Protein backbone atom coordinates (compact mmCIF):
# COMPACT_ATOMS: atom_id res chain seq x y z
CA UNK A 1 110.97 104.73 67.48
CA UNK A 2 110.75 105.68 71.16
CA UNK A 3 113.92 105.50 73.22
CA UNK A 4 114.32 102.38 75.32
CA UNK A 5 113.69 102.75 79.02
CA UNK A 6 116.87 102.50 81.05
CA UNK A 7 117.31 100.15 84.01
CA UNK A 8 120.31 100.49 86.32
CA UNK A 9 121.28 97.14 87.88
CA UNK A 10 123.47 97.32 90.98
CA UNK A 11 124.81 94.03 92.35
CA UNK A 12 128.33 92.89 93.28
CA UNK A 13 127.50 89.35 92.11
CA UNK A 14 128.27 89.59 88.41
CA UNK A 15 126.34 86.40 87.59
CA UNK A 16 123.15 87.70 89.17
CA UNK A 17 123.57 91.11 87.56
CA UNK A 18 124.07 89.58 84.12
CA UNK A 19 121.04 87.33 84.56
CA UNK A 20 118.84 90.29 85.50
CA UNK A 21 120.21 92.24 82.56
CA UNK A 22 119.49 89.36 80.17
CA UNK A 23 115.86 89.10 81.22
CA UNK A 24 115.30 92.85 81.07
CA UNK A 25 116.98 93.26 77.69
CA UNK A 26 114.69 90.54 76.33
CA UNK A 27 111.84 92.88 77.30
CA UNK A 28 113.52 95.68 75.29
CA UNK A 29 114.95 97.64 78.20
CA UNK A 30 118.39 99.21 78.04
CA UNK A 31 120.49 98.10 81.01
CA UNK A 32 123.64 99.19 82.76
CA UNK A 33 125.43 97.22 85.48
CA UNK A 34 127.38 98.65 88.40
CA UNK A 35 129.05 96.48 91.04
CA UNK A 36 129.64 98.89 93.93
CA UNK A 37 127.72 101.55 95.80
CA UNK A 38 129.82 104.57 94.86
CA UNK A 39 129.51 103.85 91.14
CA UNK A 40 125.78 103.22 91.63
CA UNK A 41 125.14 106.69 93.04
CA UNK A 42 127.14 108.32 90.27
CA UNK A 43 125.33 106.33 87.58
CA UNK A 44 121.91 107.06 89.08
CA UNK A 45 122.59 110.81 88.94
CA UNK A 46 124.46 111.01 85.62
CA UNK A 47 122.95 108.24 83.47
CA UNK A 48 119.42 109.08 84.72
CA UNK A 49 117.82 105.63 84.51
CA UNK A 50 114.06 105.11 84.63
CA UNK A 51 114.39 102.53 87.42
CA UNK A 52 117.11 101.01 89.61
CA UNK A 53 117.40 97.40 90.78
CA UNK A 54 119.56 97.73 93.89
CA UNK A 55 121.24 94.98 95.90
CA UNK A 56 121.57 95.62 99.61
CA UNK A 57 125.06 94.23 100.27
CA UNK A 58 127.57 96.21 98.21
CA UNK A 59 131.22 97.30 98.54
CA UNK A 60 131.94 101.00 98.93
CA UNK A 61 128.44 101.96 100.05
CA UNK A 62 125.69 99.51 100.94
CA UNK A 63 122.25 99.61 99.36
CA UNK A 64 120.81 101.61 102.26
CA UNK A 65 123.38 104.37 101.75
CA UNK A 66 122.85 104.35 97.99
CA UNK A 67 119.09 104.60 98.41
CA UNK A 68 119.41 107.42 100.93
CA UNK A 69 121.74 109.47 98.71
CA UNK A 70 119.74 108.97 95.53
CA UNK A 71 116.53 109.95 97.33
CA UNK A 72 118.02 113.31 98.28
CA UNK A 73 117.75 114.48 94.68
CA UNK A 74 115.64 111.97 92.74
CA UNK A 75 112.32 110.09 92.81
CA UNK A 76 113.86 107.31 90.72
CA UNK A 77 111.84 104.10 91.31
CA UNK A 78 113.96 101.62 93.27
CA UNK A 79 113.54 97.86 93.72
CA UNK A 80 115.78 96.66 96.55
CA UNK A 81 117.18 93.11 96.51
CA UNK A 82 118.46 91.33 99.59
CA UNK A 83 119.05 87.91 101.12
CA UNK A 84 117.86 89.40 104.42
CA UNK A 85 114.34 88.25 105.25
CA UNK A 86 113.74 90.07 108.53
CA UNK A 87 110.84 92.51 108.62
CA UNK A 88 113.18 95.15 110.08
CA UNK A 89 115.37 95.07 106.97
CA UNK A 90 112.36 95.42 104.66
CA UNK A 91 110.91 98.29 106.66
CA UNK A 92 114.27 100.09 106.82
CA UNK A 93 114.67 99.83 103.05
CA UNK A 94 111.18 101.20 102.48
CA UNK A 95 111.64 104.00 105.00
CA UNK A 96 114.80 105.10 103.20
CA UNK A 97 112.82 105.43 99.98
CA UNK A 98 112.79 102.06 98.21
CA UNK A 99 109.55 101.40 96.32
CA UNK A 100 109.77 97.62 96.43
CA UNK A 101 111.74 94.88 98.21
CA UNK A 102 112.48 91.38 96.92
CA UNK A 103 114.20 88.60 98.85
CA UNK A 104 116.93 86.50 97.26
CA UNK A 105 116.74 84.00 95.70
CA UNK A 106 114.00 85.42 93.49
CA UNK A 107 112.30 84.38 90.28
CA UNK A 108 113.59 86.42 87.34
CA UNK A 109 110.18 86.53 85.68
CA UNK A 110 108.66 87.93 88.86
CA UNK A 111 111.35 90.61 88.96
CA UNK A 112 110.55 91.61 85.38
CA UNK A 113 106.84 91.76 86.28
CA UNK A 114 107.60 94.00 89.23
CA UNK A 115 109.77 96.27 87.10
CA UNK A 116 106.91 96.67 84.61
CA UNK A 117 104.37 97.24 87.39
CA UNK A 118 106.53 99.85 89.12
CA UNK A 119 107.22 101.72 85.88
CA UNK A 120 103.54 101.61 85.03
CA UNK A 121 102.44 102.77 88.49
CA UNK A 122 105.01 105.59 88.44
CA UNK A 123 103.42 106.83 85.22
CA UNK A 124 106.16 105.80 82.81
CA UNK A 125 104.25 103.00 81.06
CA UNK A 126 100.59 103.41 80.03
CA UNK A 127 98.31 100.48 80.74
CA UNK A 128 97.79 98.33 77.67
CA UNK A 129 94.88 99.58 75.59
CA UNK A 130 94.15 102.47 77.93
CA UNK A 131 93.53 105.99 76.72
CA UNK A 132 95.46 108.77 78.38
CA UNK A 133 93.07 110.44 80.85
CA UNK A 134 92.78 114.19 81.11
CA UNK A 135 94.82 115.62 84.02
CA UNK A 136 91.73 117.37 85.41
CA UNK A 137 90.01 114.01 85.87
CA UNK A 138 92.96 112.76 87.92
CA UNK A 139 92.88 115.54 90.52
CA UNK A 140 91.15 115.45 93.89
CA UNK A 141 90.78 118.50 96.12
CA UNK A 142 89.76 119.27 99.70
CA UNK A 143 90.08 122.47 101.72
CA UNK A 144 93.82 123.09 101.83
CA UNK A 145 94.74 119.93 99.90
CA UNK A 146 95.09 119.14 96.20
CA UNK A 147 96.46 115.86 94.87
CA UNK A 148 97.02 115.38 91.13
CA UNK A 149 97.83 112.00 89.65
CA UNK A 150 98.06 113.61 86.22
CA UNK A 151 101.04 115.76 87.20
CA UNK A 152 102.15 113.77 90.28
CA UNK A 153 101.91 116.81 92.55
CA UNK A 154 100.51 117.54 95.98
CA UNK A 155 99.91 120.92 97.60
CA UNK A 156 98.90 121.74 101.16
CA UNK A 157 97.55 125.25 101.76
CA UNK A 158 98.98 126.26 98.39
CA UNK A 159 102.49 124.99 99.16
CA UNK A 160 103.96 122.15 97.09
CA UNK A 161 104.82 119.03 99.09
CA UNK A 162 107.69 116.88 97.82
CA UNK A 163 106.41 113.30 97.53
CA UNK A 164 107.63 110.11 95.88
CA UNK A 165 105.37 108.67 93.14
CA UNK A 166 104.09 105.84 95.33
CA UNK A 167 103.18 108.30 98.08
CA UNK A 168 101.18 110.37 95.59
CA UNK A 169 99.41 107.28 94.27
CA UNK A 170 98.55 106.00 97.74
CA UNK A 171 97.26 109.38 98.91
CA UNK A 172 95.24 109.79 95.70
CA UNK A 173 93.74 106.32 96.10
CA UNK A 174 92.55 107.11 99.63
CA UNK A 175 91.42 110.67 98.91
CA UNK A 176 89.27 109.71 95.93
CA UNK A 177 87.14 107.55 98.24
CA UNK A 178 86.72 109.68 101.38
CA UNK A 179 85.70 107.91 104.59
CA UNK A 180 85.95 104.51 102.93
CA UNK A 181 88.05 101.97 104.80
CA UNK A 182 90.70 100.16 102.76
CA UNK A 183 92.52 97.08 103.99
CA UNK A 184 96.27 96.94 103.48
CA UNK A 185 95.78 94.19 100.91
CA UNK A 186 93.35 96.35 98.92
CA UNK A 187 95.79 99.24 98.91
CA UNK A 188 98.64 96.97 97.82
CA UNK A 189 96.58 95.71 94.89
CA UNK A 190 95.33 99.16 93.88
CA UNK A 191 98.60 101.08 94.20
CA UNK A 192 101.34 98.51 93.63
CA UNK A 193 99.35 96.47 91.14
CA UNK A 194 100.41 93.04 92.40
CA UNK A 195 100.52 91.02 95.59
CA UNK A 196 103.50 92.35 97.54
CA UNK A 197 104.28 89.01 99.20
CA UNK A 198 101.45 89.64 101.65
CA UNK A 199 103.53 92.25 103.51
CA UNK A 200 101.26 95.05 104.74
CA UNK A 201 104.25 96.86 106.26
CA UNK A 202 104.82 98.37 102.82
CA UNK A 203 101.58 100.34 103.19
CA UNK A 204 102.32 101.25 106.81
CA UNK A 205 105.70 102.75 105.94
CA UNK A 206 104.29 104.83 103.08
CA UNK A 207 101.38 106.06 105.21
CA UNK A 208 103.87 107.15 107.89
CA UNK A 209 105.87 109.15 105.34
CA UNK A 210 102.72 110.76 103.89
CA UNK A 211 101.51 111.84 107.34
CA UNK A 212 104.88 113.36 108.18
CA UNK A 213 104.82 115.39 104.97
CA UNK A 214 101.17 116.52 105.17
CA UNK A 215 101.18 117.48 108.83
CA UNK A 216 98.01 118.00 110.87
CA UNK A 217 94.91 119.56 109.33
CA UNK A 218 91.54 120.27 110.94
CA UNK A 219 89.52 119.47 107.81
CA UNK A 220 90.98 116.08 106.83
CA UNK A 221 93.39 113.35 107.89
CA UNK A 222 94.49 109.81 107.15
CA UNK A 223 92.95 107.74 109.92
CA UNK A 224 94.06 104.32 111.08
CA UNK A 225 91.29 101.75 111.42
CA UNK A 226 92.88 99.38 113.90
CA UNK A 227 93.05 95.78 112.79
CA UNK A 228 91.81 96.66 109.29
CA UNK A 229 93.67 99.40 107.45
CA UNK A 230 93.25 103.11 106.65
CA UNK A 231 90.76 105.69 105.45
CA UNK A 232 90.94 109.29 104.28
CA UNK A 233 88.77 111.16 106.78
CA UNK A 234 86.94 114.17 105.35
CA UNK A 235 85.74 116.49 108.11
CA UNK A 236 84.82 119.43 105.88
């Protein structure tokens, strides 16, 4: 029998943490609860969970600090929880490396669905009934750029670029349809696999990070189509 996937739950509200754990364990995940930021960082690095559900307001270190420290050495998928509803707070969480952001109070079933979607989109859960594709068929190349969804790697001019799973998936989605314009909503559905509360800022933040990591190139770029979305521009 395959080992259970491990979910690290970080919340200083023990009732909320236990509720999340209950729902996830019903779905056959192994869970571990930590109630402060310092313990969360240690657990993320030593226990090596498959995903972390991270509250924003924590003693010791807040969720932003935890996310920043974990991201320095791990691409662990992170769902951030917060009672803060301002766009600034969501964008800051995403810019620090969170893959998803849910506002409290939240529906437990929706959280479970997002956990499954994030694990699936990060390559840790195969789609139901789907055959495993060959890595070669999941690679797209342009002069000076290669993106592989099979191995979750990206190289620019032969040099490996360190990218989070969602950044790889978003870049791959755009690059496999050169010069096609995608709306933010289309990219959310294709890459995140569910409606991300209608918040297109998620895409904007990830595009910004991808551009910073890829740099400028004369043969291709990710172009902004104002008022609509983005396209991968092939000038080769």
